């Protein structure tokens, strides 16, 4: 009996070790992909700043502790963070940046940066930046619920959810802090602002803060920025997406030459296999699957 129990115990330990050893390489690979994406993103934004603002590679530095990454797709990783630029030994200017990197081949799909407001180049955003003041629509990165956010010149923040609940907070030093202890790290993007909490981030757009009426769904009809022909890379390869003014949509796999019919309404694309939120980005749109928010695809506009 003792020998049988010993053999069973040894077998169970061996299985556990095999499971742990299988999980470890996967986690290590994820970390390598994140580090590689961060490295490529910082190279991309450095080159862009040097080209547009002058200076050398040695004039740029990055605050690695404030760098964030998120999964866009199986091939793409999103990166956002902060840095400083001090060309020729001048006073440094702080900036935020955001990039999308293909962690398989190193291609930098998209990169942008924005100077932090405030004197002396330090991170002084205690005064509310003008681009953030106004009303915005989006989803809370904390609980994924739809919410209307209003930011005042004095830094007061109000979040009104669709179910009627309300939260109050304040903006300070690049963050929105709600009185229930929830915090969002906010940064400017082309279509509005991005709010990040933990590993999740969401884009807020529209309202009076810079989106204009063109950003609204206009009572369920298709906004102009969402109409047209787009191309992007999904898990199954390159795809073409067509969204029409009447709300009909077609998704076509360019690798398999197979088409699927769907519909657009109230900010969402609906196909037989899933429902996707549609966000505006600088050169096209982004789709985010509602029941798997890690499944994101950026589509670039190729036609009207």
C-alpha atoms as a PDB file:
ATOM      1  CA  UNK A   1       0.000   0.000   0.000  1.00  0.00           C
ATOM      2  CA  UNK A   2       2.828   2.368   0.817  1.00  0.00           C
ATOM      3  CA  UNK A   3       4.488   1.772  -2.552  1.00  0.00           C
ATOM      4  CA  UNK A   4       1.256   2.313  -4.480  1.00  0.00           C
ATOM      5  CA  UNK A   5       0.578   5.609  -2.668  1.00  0.00           C
ATOM      6  CA  UNK A   6       4.146   6.733  -3.307  1.00  0.00           C
ATOM      7  CA  UNK A   7       3.851   5.977  -7.017  1.00  0.00           C
ATOM      8  CA  UNK A   8       0.563   7.894  -7.250  1.00  0.00           C
ATOM      9  CA  UNK A   9       2.040  10.849  -5.392  1.00  0.00           C
ATOM     10  CA  UNK A  10       5.073  10.850  -7.649  1.00  0.00           C
ATOM     11  CA  UNK A  11       2.876  10.664 -10.750  1.00  0.00           C
ATOM     12  CA  UNK A  12       0.754  13.606  -9.549  1.00  0.00           C
ATOM     13  CA  UNK A  13       3.848  15.666  -8.816  1.00  0.00           C
ATOM     14  CA  UNK A  14       5.242  14.874 -12.253  1.00  0.00           C
ATOM     15  CA  UNK A  15       2.006  16.003 -13.967  1.00  0.00           C
ATOM     16  CA  UNK A  16       2.015  19.219 -11.939  1.00  0.00           C
ATOM     17  CA  UNK A  17       5.615  19.914 -12.917  1.00  0.00           C
ATOM     18  CA  UNK A  18       4.771  19.346 -16.582  1.00  0.00           C
ATOM     19  CA  UNK A  19       1.867  21.806 -16.375  1.00  0.00           C
ATOM     20  CA  UNK A  20       4.017  24.420 -14.667  1.00  0.00           C
ATOM     21  CA  UNK A  21       6.840  23.964 -17.146  1.00  0.00           C
ATOM     22  CA  UNK A  22       4.385  24.405 -20.050  1.00  0.00           C
ATOM     23  CA  UNK A  23       2.937  27.609 -18.586  1.00  0.00           C
ATOM     24  CA  UNK A  24       6.310  29.188 -17.843  1.00  0.00           C
ATOM     25  CA  UNK A  25       7.518  29.433 -21.483  1.00  0.00           C
ATOM     26  CA  UNK A  26       4.184  30.974 -22.533  1.00  0.00           C
ATOM     27  CA  UNK A  27       4.459  33.682 -19.870  1.00  0.00           C
ATOM     28  CA  UNK A  28       8.093  34.273 -20.751  1.00  0.00           C
ATOM     29  CA  UNK A  29       7.174  34.634 -24.427  1.00  0.00           C
ATOM     30  CA  UNK A  30       4.474  37.172 -23.592  1.00  0.00           C
ATOM     31  CA  UNK A  31       6.990  39.222 -21.611  1.00  0.00           C
ATOM     32  CA  UNK A  32       9.505  39.097 -24.463  1.00  0.00           C
ATOM     33  CA  UNK A  33       6.831  40.269 -26.907  1.00  0.00           C
ATOM     34  CA  UNK A  34       5.885  43.154 -24.607  1.00  0.00           C
ATOM     35  CA  UNK A  35       9.508  44.241 -24.139  1.00  0.00           C
ATOM     36  CA  UNK A  36      10.115  44.024 -27.883  1.00  0.00           C
ATOM     37  CA  UNK A  37       6.964  46.039 -28.640  1.00  0.00           C
ATOM     38  CA  UNK A  38       7.999  48.722 -26.126  1.00  0.00           C
ATOM     39  CA  UNK A  39      11.489  48.904 -27.632  1.00  0.00           C
ATOM     40  CA  UNK A  40      10.134  49.237 -31.175  1.00  0.00           C
ATOM     41  CA  UNK A  41       7.508  51.809 -30.112  1.00  0.00           C
ATOM     42  CA  UNK A  42      10.132  53.987 -28.436  1.00  0.00           C
ATOM     43  CA  UNK A  43      12.366  53.745 -31.507  1.00  0.00           C
ATOM     44  CA  UNK A  44       9.422  54.796 -33.675  1.00  0.00           C
ATOM     45  CA  UNK A  45       8.429  57.813 -31.584  1.00  0.00           C
ATOM     46  CA  UNK A  46      12.078  58.862 -31.207  1.00  0.00           C
ATOM     47  CA  UNK A  47      12.547  58.859 -34.965  1.00  0.00           C
ATOM     48  CA  UNK A  48       9.322  60.814 -35.474  1.00  0.00           C
ATOM     49  CA  UNK A  49      10.272  63.484 -32.903  1.00  0.00           C
ATOM     50  CA  UNK A  50      13.822  63.844 -34.278  1.00  0.00           C
ATOM     51  CA  UNK A  51      12.486  64.182 -37.811  1.00  0.00           C
ATOM     52  CA  UNK A  52       9.860  66.758 -36.859  1.00  0.00           C
ATOM     53  CA  UNK A  53      11.550  68.580 -33.952  1.00  0.00           C
ATOM     54  CA  UNK A  54      15.273  68.018 -34.429  1.00  0.00           C
ATOM     55  CA  UNK A  55      17.933  66.747 -32.073  1.00  0.00           C
ATOM     56  CA  UNK A  56      19.608  63.353 -31.785  1.00  0.00           C
ATOM     57  CA  UNK A  57      18.755  59.952 -30.324  1.00  0.00           C
ATOM     58  CA  UNK A  58      20.618  60.856 -27.155  1.00  0.00           C
ATOM     59  CA  UNK A  59      18.310  63.810 -26.568  1.00  0.00           C
ATOM     60  CA  UNK A  60      15.351  61.516 -25.808  1.00  0.00           C
ATOM     61  CA  UNK A  61      14.602  59.539 -22.664  1.00  0.00           C
ATOM     62  CA  UNK A  62      11.628  57.452 -21.538  1.00  0.00           C
ATOM     63  CA  UNK A  63       9.942  56.815 -18.183  1.00  0.00           C
ATOM     64  CA  UNK A  64       9.878  53.025 -18.337  1.00  0.00           C
ATOM     65  CA  UNK A  65       7.923  52.664 -15.097  1.00  0.00           C
ATOM     66  CA  UNK A  66       4.899  54.425 -16.638  1.00  0.00           C
ATOM     67  CA  UNK A  67       4.847  52.376 -19.852  1.00  0.00           C
ATOM     68  CA  UNK A  68       1.685  50.364 -20.543  1.00  0.00           C
ATOM     69  CA  UNK A  69       0.931  47.676 -23.122  1.00  0.00           C
ATOM     70  CA  UNK A  70      -2.257  45.972 -24.281  1.00  0.00           C
ATOM     71  CA  UNK A  71      -3.140  43.281 -26.809  1.00  0.00           C
ATOM     72  CA  UNK A  72      -4.571  44.558 -30.090  1.00  0.00           C
ATOM     73  CA  UNK A  73      -4.533  41.189 -31.899  1.00  0.00           C
ATOM     74  CA  UNK A  74      -2.422  38.044 -32.079  1.00  0.00           C
ATOM     75  CA  UNK A  75       0.154  40.026 -34.054  1.00  0.00           C
ATOM     76  CA  UNK A  76      -0.228  43.552 -32.716  1.00  0.00           C
ATOM     77  CA  UNK A  77       0.578  45.091 -29.321  1.00  0.00           C
ATOM     78  CA  UNK A  78      -0.426  48.592 -28.219  1.00  0.00           C
ATOM     79  CA  UNK A  79       2.095  50.677 -26.272  1.00  0.00           C
ATOM     80  CA  UNK A  80       1.678  53.984 -24.487  1.00  0.00           C
ATOM     81  CA  UNK A  81       3.986  55.908 -22.192  1.00  0.00           C
ATOM     82  CA  UNK A  82       5.878  59.099 -21.448  1.00  0.00           C
ATOM     83  CA  UNK A  83       9.242  60.588 -22.267  1.00  0.00           C
ATOM     84  CA  UNK A  84      11.362  63.743 -22.469  1.00  0.00           C
ATOM     85  CA  UNK A  85      13.037  65.585 -25.319  1.00  0.00           C
ATOM     86  CA  UNK A  86      15.987  67.929 -24.693  1.00  0.00           C
ATOM     87  CA  UNK A  87      17.625  68.827 -28.023  1.00  0.00           C
ATOM     88  CA  UNK A  88      21.125  70.277 -27.748  1.00  0.00           C
ATOM     89  CA  UNK A  89      21.033  70.355 -23.946  1.00  0.00           C
ATOM     90  CA  UNK A  90      18.031  72.714 -23.821  1.00  0.00           C
ATOM     91  CA  UNK A  91      15.300  72.469 -21.206  1.00  0.00           C
ATOM     92  CA  UNK A  92      13.536  69.145 -21.616  1.00  0.00           C
ATOM     93  CA  UNK A  93       9.936  68.917 -22.777  1.00  0.00           C
ATOM     94  CA  UNK A  94       7.729  66.096 -21.565  1.00  0.00           C
ATOM     95  CA  UNK A  95       5.552  64.174 -24.009  1.00  0.00           C
ATOM     96  CA  UNK A  96       3.178  61.236 -24.093  1.00  0.00           C
ATOM     97  CA  UNK A  97       3.175  58.721 -26.914  1.00  0.00           C
ATOM     98  CA  UNK A  98       1.127  55.830 -28.252  1.00  0.00           C
ATOM     99  CA  UNK A  99       2.033  53.202 -30.840  1.00  0.00           C
ATOM    100  CA  UNK A 100       0.822  49.945 -32.355  1.00  0.00           C
ATOM    101  CA  UNK A 101       3.596  47.422 -33.048  1.00  0.00           C
ATOM    102  CA  UNK A 102       3.631  44.103 -34.876  1.00  0.00           C
ATOM    103  CA  UNK A 103       5.587  42.070 -32.329  1.00  0.00           C
ATOM    104  CA  UNK A 104       6.228  39.308 -34.878  1.00  0.00           C
ATOM    105  CA  UNK A 105       8.153  41.322 -37.458  1.00  0.00           C
ATOM    106  CA  UNK A 106       8.832  44.596 -35.638  1.00  0.00           C
ATOM    107  CA  UNK A 107       6.778  46.788 -37.985  1.00  0.00           C
ATOM    108  CA  UNK A 108       5.497  49.969 -36.342  1.00  0.00           C
ATOM    109  CA  UNK A 109       1.915  50.159 -37.601  1.00  0.00           C
ATOM    110  CA  UNK A 110       1.066  53.491 -35.991  1.00  0.00           C
ATOM    111  CA  UNK A 111       2.836  56.018 -33.756  1.00  0.00           C
ATOM    112  CA  UNK A 112       1.865  59.433 -32.376  1.00  0.00           C
ATOM    113  CA  UNK A 113       3.003  61.771 -29.623  1.00  0.00           C
ATOM    114  CA  UNK A 114       1.726  64.856 -27.848  1.00  0.00           C
ATOM    115  CA  UNK A 115       3.544  67.461 -25.767  1.00  0.00           C
ATOM    116  CA  UNK A 116       2.528  67.700 -22.125  1.00  0.00           C
ATOM    117  CA  UNK A 117       1.194  71.141 -21.279  1.00  0.00           C
ATOM    118  CA  UNK A 118       2.963  73.112 -18.593  1.00  0.00           C
ATOM    119  CA  UNK A 119       6.172  75.095 -18.310  1.00  0.00           C
ATOM    120  CA  UNK A 120       9.710  73.846 -17.835  1.00  0.00           C
ATOM    121  CA  UNK A 121       9.183  70.546 -19.660  1.00  0.00           C
ATOM    122  CA  UNK A 122       8.160  68.718 -16.495  1.00  0.00           C
ATOM    123  CA  UNK A 123       4.998  66.724 -16.091  1.00  0.00           C
ATOM    124  CA  UNK A 124       2.736  69.485 -14.919  1.00  0.00           C
ATOM    125  CA  UNK A 125      -0.798  68.663 -15.946  1.00  0.00           C
ATOM    126  CA  UNK A 126      -2.456  69.797 -12.747  1.00  0.00           C
ATOM    127  CA  UNK A 127      -4.035  72.565 -14.797  1.00  0.00           C
ATOM    128  CA  UNK A 128      -6.642  70.807 -16.913  1.00  0.00           C
ATOM    129  CA  UNK A 129      -5.484  70.665 -20.583  1.00  0.00           C
ATOM    130  CA  UNK A 130      -7.863  72.325 -23.006  1.00  0.00           C
ATOM    131  CA  UNK A 131      -8.228  69.205 -25.143  1.00  0.00           C
ATOM    132  CA  UNK A 132      -9.733  67.328 -22.173  1.00  0.00           C
ATOM    133  CA  UNK A 133     -12.346  69.905 -21.160  1.00  0.00           C
ATOM    134  CA  UNK A 134     -15.836  69.033 -22.381  1.00  0.00           C
ATOM    135  CA  UNK A 135     -18.245  66.108 -22.604  1.00  0.00           C
ATOM    136  CA  UNK A 136     -17.229  62.682 -23.876  1.00  0.00           C
ATOM    137  CA  UNK A 137     -18.848  59.329 -24.639  1.00  0.00           C
ATOM    138  CA  UNK A 138     -17.304  55.890 -24.168  1.00  0.00           C
ATOM    139  CA  UNK A 139     -16.963  52.876 -21.909  1.00  0.00           C
ATOM    140  CA  UNK A 140     -15.437  52.893 -18.463  1.00  0.00           C
ATOM    141  CA  UNK A 141     -12.128  50.971 -18.444  1.00  0.00           C
ATOM    142  CA  UNK A 142     -12.945  49.992 -14.863  1.00  0.00           C
ATOM    143  CA  UNK A 143     -16.317  48.269 -15.348  1.00  0.00           C
ATOM    144  CA  UNK A 144     -16.911  48.297 -19.169  1.00  0.00           C
ATOM    145  CA  UNK A 145     -20.217  50.162 -18.791  1.00  0.00           C
ATOM    146  CA  UNK A 146     -21.210  52.936 -21.187  1.00  0.00           C
ATOM    147  CA  UNK A 147     -20.725  56.344 -19.603  1.00  0.00           C
ATOM    148  CA  UNK A 148     -20.868  60.050 -20.393  1.00  0.00           C
ATOM    149  CA  UNK A 149     -17.921  61.921 -18.849  1.00  0.00           C
ATOM    150  CA  UNK A 150     -17.804  65.682 -18.348  1.00  0.00           C
ATOM    151  CA  UNK A 151     -14.535  67.437 -17.432  1.00  0.00           C
ATOM    152  CA  UNK A 152     -14.641  71.067 -16.267  1.00  0.00           C
ATOM    153  CA  UNK A 153     -12.000  73.790 -16.434  1.00  0.00           C
ATOM    154  CA  UNK A 154     -11.598  73.529 -12.668  1.00  0.00           C
ATOM    155  CA  UNK A 155     -10.796  69.797 -12.865  1.00  0.00           C
ATOM    156  CA  UNK A 156     -14.203  68.609 -11.641  1.00  0.00           C
ATOM    157  CA  UNK A 157     -15.263  65.360 -13.333  1.00  0.00           C
ATOM    158  CA  UNK A 158     -18.737  63.830 -13.545  1.00  0.00           C
ATOM    159  CA  UNK A 159     -19.460  60.358 -14.901  1.00  0.00           C
ATOM    160  CA  UNK A 160     -23.106  59.567 -15.737  1.00  0.00           C
ATOM    161  CA  UNK A 161     -23.853  55.922 -16.596  1.00  0.00           C
ATOM    162  CA  UNK A 162     -26.687  54.696 -18.806  1.00  0.00           C
ATOM    163  CA  UNK A 163     -28.483  53.150 -15.826  1.00  0.00           C
ATOM    164  CA  UNK A 164     -28.679  56.569 -14.159  1.00  0.00           C
ATOM    165  CA  UNK A 165     -25.908  56.061 -11.582  1.00  0.00           C
ATOM    166  CA  UNK A 166     -23.447  58.902 -11.113  1.00  0.00           C
ATOM    167  CA  UNK A 167     -19.849  59.308  -9.931  1.00  0.00           C
ATOM    168  CA  UNK A 168     -17.933  62.450  -9.042  1.00  0.00           C
ATOM    169  CA  UNK A 169     -14.186  62.906  -9.292  1.00  0.00           C
ATOM    170  CA  UNK A 170     -11.320  65.264 -10.090  1.00  0.00           C
ATOM    171  CA  UNK A 171      -8.566  65.562 -12.690  1.00  0.00           C
ATOM    172  CA  UNK A 172      -5.001  65.970 -11.420  1.00  0.00           C
ATOM    173  CA  UNK A 173      -1.561  65.346 -12.900  1.00  0.00           C
ATOM    174  CA  UNK A 174      -2.695  63.266 -15.868  1.00  0.00           C
ATOM    175  CA  UNK A 175      -5.237  61.200 -13.944  1.00  0.00           C
ATOM    176  CA  UNK A 176      -8.945  61.206 -13.190  1.00  0.00           C
ATOM    177  CA  UNK A 177      -9.648  60.085  -9.624  1.00  0.00           C
ATOM    178  CA  UNK A 178     -13.193  59.241  -8.639  1.00  0.00           C
ATOM    179  CA  UNK A 179     -14.328  59.457  -5.040  1.00  0.00           C
ATOM    180  CA  UNK A 180     -14.927  55.688  -4.939  1.00  0.00           C
ATOM    181  CA  UNK A 181     -11.102  55.283  -5.323  1.00  0.00           C
ATOM    182  CA  UNK A 182     -11.235  54.341  -9.032  1.00  0.00           C
ATOM    183  CA  UNK A 183      -8.426  55.951 -11.054  1.00  0.00           C
ATOM    184  CA  UNK A 184      -8.024  56.465 -14.799  1.00  0.00           C
ATOM    185  CA  UNK A 185      -4.752  57.393 -16.452  1.00  0.00           C
ATOM    186  CA  UNK A 186      -5.718  59.696 -19.344  1.00  0.00           C
ATOM    187  CA  UNK A 187      -3.851  60.735 -22.494  1.00  0.00           C
ATOM    188  CA  UNK A 188      -4.737  62.531 -25.692  1.00  0.00           C
ATOM    189  CA  UNK A 189      -5.432  60.604 -28.898  1.00  0.00           C
ATOM    190  CA  UNK A 190      -6.529  61.860 -32.310  1.00  0.00           C
ATOM    191  CA  UNK A 191     -10.198  61.048 -31.792  1.00  0.00           C
ATOM    192  CA  UNK A 192     -10.515  62.222 -28.166  1.00  0.00           C
ATOM    193  CA  UNK A 193      -8.787  60.809 -25.091  1.00  0.00           C
ATOM    194  CA  UNK A 194      -7.779  57.386 -23.843  1.00  0.00           C
ATOM    195  CA  UNK A 195      -8.583  56.284 -20.291  1.00  0.00           C
ATOM    196  CA  UNK A 196      -6.632  53.367 -18.828  1.00  0.00           C
ATOM    197  CA  UNK A 197      -7.252  51.402 -15.629  1.00  0.00           C
ATOM    198  CA  UNK A 198      -5.051  48.397 -14.948  1.00  0.00           C
ATOM    199  CA  UNK A 199      -4.612  46.393 -18.145  1.00  0.00           C
ATOM    200  CA  UNK A 200      -7.706  47.849 -19.854  1.00  0.00           C
ATOM    201  CA  UNK A 201      -7.974  51.072 -21.831  1.00  0.00           C
ATOM    202  CA  UNK A 202     -10.855  52.704 -23.679  1.00  0.00           C
ATOM    203  CA  UNK A 203     -11.131  55.644 -26.079  1.00  0.00           C
ATOM    204  CA  UNK A 204     -13.651  58.405 -25.331  1.00  0.00           C
ATOM    205  CA  UNK A 205     -14.844  60.518 -28.223  1.00  0.00           C
ATOM    206  CA  UNK A 206     -17.555  62.933 -29.289  1.00  0.00           C
ATOM    207  CA  UNK A 207     -19.302  65.545 -27.221  1.00  0.00           C
ATOM    208  CA  UNK A 208     -18.131  69.152 -26.923  1.00  0.00           C
ATOM    209  CA  UNK A 209     -14.519  68.314 -26.198  1.00  0.00           C
ATOM    210  CA  UNK A 210     -13.458  68.041 -29.818  1.00  0.00           C
ATOM    211  CA  UNK A 211     -15.481  65.340 -31.502  1.00  0.00           C
ATOM    212  CA  UNK A 212     -18.234  67.377 -33.113  1.00  0.00           C
ATOM    213  CA  UNK A 213     -21.527  66.014 -34.329  1.00  0.00           C
ATOM    214  CA  UNK A 214     -19.736  63.853 -36.875  1.00  0.00           C
ATOM    215  CA  UNK A 215     -18.587  61.600 -34.029  1.00  0.00           C
ATOM    216  CA  UNK A 216     -22.080  60.858 -32.782  1.00  0.00           C
ATOM    217  CA  UNK A 217     -24.174  57.949 -33.939  1.00  0.00           C
ATOM    218  CA  UNK A 218     -26.931  60.443 -34.805  1.00  0.00           C
ATOM    219  CA  UNK A 219     -29.860  58.440 -33.505  1.00  0.00           C
ATOM    220  CA  UNK A 220     -28.566  55.053 -34.609  1.00  0.00           C
ATOM    221  CA  UNK A 221     -27.594  55.990 -38.180  1.00  0.00           C
ATOM    222  CA  UNK A 222     -24.069  55.362 -39.407  1.00  0.00           C
ATOM    223  CA  UNK A 223     -21.706  58.298 -38.697  1.00  0.00           C
ATOM    224  CA  UNK A 224     -19.724  59.557 -41.681  1.00  0.00           C
ATOM    225  CA  UNK A 225     -16.367  58.469 -40.242  1.00  0.00           C
ATOM    226  CA  UNK A 226     -17.615  54.849 -40.062  1.00  0.00           C
ATOM    227  CA  UNK A 227     -18.847  54.680 -43.659  1.00  0.00           C
ATOM    228  CA  UNK A 228     -16.579  53.343 -46.370  1.00  0.00           C
ATOM    229  CA  UNK A 229     -14.165  50.542 -47.197  1.00  0.00           C
ATOM    230  CA  UNK A 230     -11.473  49.505 -44.700  1.00  0.00           C
ATOM    231  CA  UNK A 231      -8.708  46.907 -44.534  1.00  0.00           C
ATOM    232  CA  UNK A 232      -7.071  45.314 -41.498  1.00  0.00           C
ATOM    233  CA  UNK A 233      -5.286  42.212 -40.259  1.00  0.00           C
ATOM    234  CA  UNK A 234      -7.370  39.822 -38.152  1.00  0.00           C
ATOM    235  CA  UNK A 235      -6.453  36.500 -36.551  1.00  0.00           C
ATOM    236  CA  UNK A 236      -7.348  34.759 -39.823  1.00  0.00           C
ATOM    237  CA  UNK A 237      -5.390  37.121 -42.090  1.00  0.00           C
ATOM    238  CA  UNK A 238      -6.058  40.315 -44.032  1.00  0.00           C
ATOM    239  CA  UNK A 239      -9.718  41.312 -44.254  1.00  0.00           C
ATOM    240  CA  UNK A 240     -11.788  43.976 -45.961  1.00  0.00           C
ATOM    241  CA  UNK A 241     -14.705  45.633 -44.186  1.00  0.00           C
ATOM    242  CA  UNK A 242     -17.390  47.709 -45.914  1.00  0.00           C
ATOM    243  CA  UNK A 243     -19.910  49.749 -43.901  1.00  0.00           C
ATOM    244  CA  UNK A 244     -22.664  51.547 -45.812  1.00  0.00           C
ATOM    245  CA  UNK A 245     -24.834  54.529 -44.955  1.00  0.00           C
ATOM    246  CA  UNK A 246     -27.946  52.329 -44.672  1.00  0.00           C
ATOM    247  CA  UNK A 247     -26.314  50.237 -41.913  1.00  0.00           C
ATOM    248  CA  UNK A 248     -25.532  47.147 -43.996  1.00  0.00           C
ATOM    249  CA  UNK A 249     -21.995  45.777 -43.676  1.00  0.00           C
ATOM    250  CA  UNK A 250     -19.844  43.196 -45.442  1.00  0.00           C
ATOM    251  CA  UNK A 251     -16.719  41.525 -44.072  1.00  0.00           C
ATOM    252  CA  UNK A 252     -14.536  39.720 -46.620  1.00  0.00           C
ATOM    253  CA  UNK A 253     -11.541  37.498 -45.925  1.00  0.00           C
ATOM    254  CA  UNK A 254      -8.959  38.381 -48.566  1.00  0.00           C
ATOM    255  CA  UNK A 255      -6.953  35.230 -47.837  1.00  0.00           C
ATOM    256  CA  UNK A 256      -9.940  32.864 -48.179  1.00  0.00           C
ATOM    257  CA  UNK A 257     -12.127  35.034 -50.463  1.00  0.00           C
ATOM    258  CA  UNK A 258     -15.167  34.433 -48.263  1.00  0.00           C
ATOM    259  CA  UNK A 259     -17.729  37.172 -47.478  1.00  0.00           C
ATOM    260  CA  UNK A 260     -20.080  37.635 -44.519  1.00  0.00           C
ATOM    261  CA  UNK A 261     -23.042  39.971 -44.222  1.00  0.00           C
ATOM    262  CA  UNK A 262     -23.759  42.016 -41.116  1.00  0.00           C
ATOM    263  CA  UNK A 263     -25.297  45.246 -39.839  1.00  0.00           C
ATOM    264  CA  UNK A 264     -24.174  48.433 -38.075  1.00  0.00           C
ATOM    265  CA  UNK A 265     -26.295  50.330 -35.567  1.00  0.00           C
ATOM    266  CA  UNK A 266     -25.788  52.235 -32.312  1.00  0.00           C
ATOM    267  CA  UNK A 267     -22.007  52.040 -32.550  1.00  0.00           C
ATOM    268  CA  UNK A 268     -21.852  48.267 -33.034  1.00  0.00           C
ATOM    269  CA  UNK A 269     -21.210  45.834 -35.880  1.00  0.00           C
ATOM    270  CA  UNK A 270     -23.186  42.605 -35.681  1.00  0.00           C
ATOM    271  CA  UNK A 271     -22.314  39.390 -37.505  1.00  0.00           C
ATOM    272  CA  UNK A 272     -23.461  35.810 -36.945  1.00  0.00           C
ATOM    273  CA  UNK A 273     -20.231  35.012 -35.105  1.00  0.00           C
ATOM    274  CA  UNK A 274     -20.085  38.061 -32.837  1.00  0.00           C
ATOM    275  CA  UNK A 275     -20.784  41.691 -32.004  1.00  0.00           C
ATOM    276  CA  UNK A 276     -18.130  44.400 -32.168  1.00  0.00           C
ATOM    277  CA  UNK A 277     -17.958  47.975 -30.915  1.00  0.00           C
ATOM    278  CA  UNK A 278     -16.633  50.415 -33.507  1.00  0.00           C
ATOM    279  CA  UNK A 279     -14.223  53.196 -32.508  1.00  0.00           C
ATOM    280  CA  UNK A 280     -12.817  56.006 -34.606  1.00  0.00           C
ATOM    281  CA  UNK A 281      -9.021  56.186 -35.030  1.00  0.00           C
ATOM    282  CA  UNK A 282      -6.915  58.627 -37.006  1.00  0.00           C
ATOM    283  CA  UNK A 283      -6.728  56.695 -40.277  1.00  0.00           C
ATOM    284  CA  UNK A 284      -9.773  54.456 -40.029  1.00  0.00           C
ATOM    285  CA  UNK A 285     -11.709  52.479 -37.426  1.00  0.00           C
ATOM    286  CA  UNK A 286     -11.088  49.942 -34.678  1.00  0.00           C
ATOM    287  CA  UNK A 287     -13.380  47.008 -33.852  1.00  0.00           C
ATOM    288  CA  UNK A 288     -13.542  45.529 -30.345  1.00  0.00           C
ATOM    289  CA  UNK A 289     -15.466  42.307 -29.680  1.00  0.00           C
ATOM    290  CA  UNK A 290     -17.970  42.896 -26.893  1.00  0.00           C
ATOM    291  CA  UNK A 291     -17.484  39.553 -25.104  1.00  0.00           C
ATOM    292  CA  UNK A 292     -13.705  39.408 -25.643  1.00  0.00           C
ATOM    293  CA  UNK A 293     -12.260  42.898 -25.459  1.00  0.00           C
ATOM    294  CA  UNK A 294      -8.757  41.607 -26.191  1.00  0.00           C
ATOM    295  CA  UNK A 295      -9.971  40.833 -29.720  1.00  0.00           C
ATOM    296  CA  UNK A 296      -9.277  44.170 -31.397  1.00  0.00           C
ATOM    297  CA  UNK A 297      -8.545  44.987 -35.020  1.00  0.00           C
ATOM    298  CA  UNK A 298      -7.456  48.315 -36.500  1.00  0.00           C
ATOM    299  CA  UNK A 299      -8.751  48.955 -40.025  1.00  0.00           C
ATOM    300  CA  UNK A 300      -7.256  51.607 -42.315  1.00  0.00           C
ATOM    301  CA  UNK A 301      -9.520  53.435 -44.766  1.00  0.00           C
ATOM    302  CA  UNK A 302      -9.025  52.422 -48.405  1.00  0.00           C
ATOM    303  CA  UNK A 303     -12.152  53.951 -49.988  1.00  0.00           C
ATOM    304  CA  UNK A 304     -15.328  55.942 -49.373  1.00  0.00           C
END
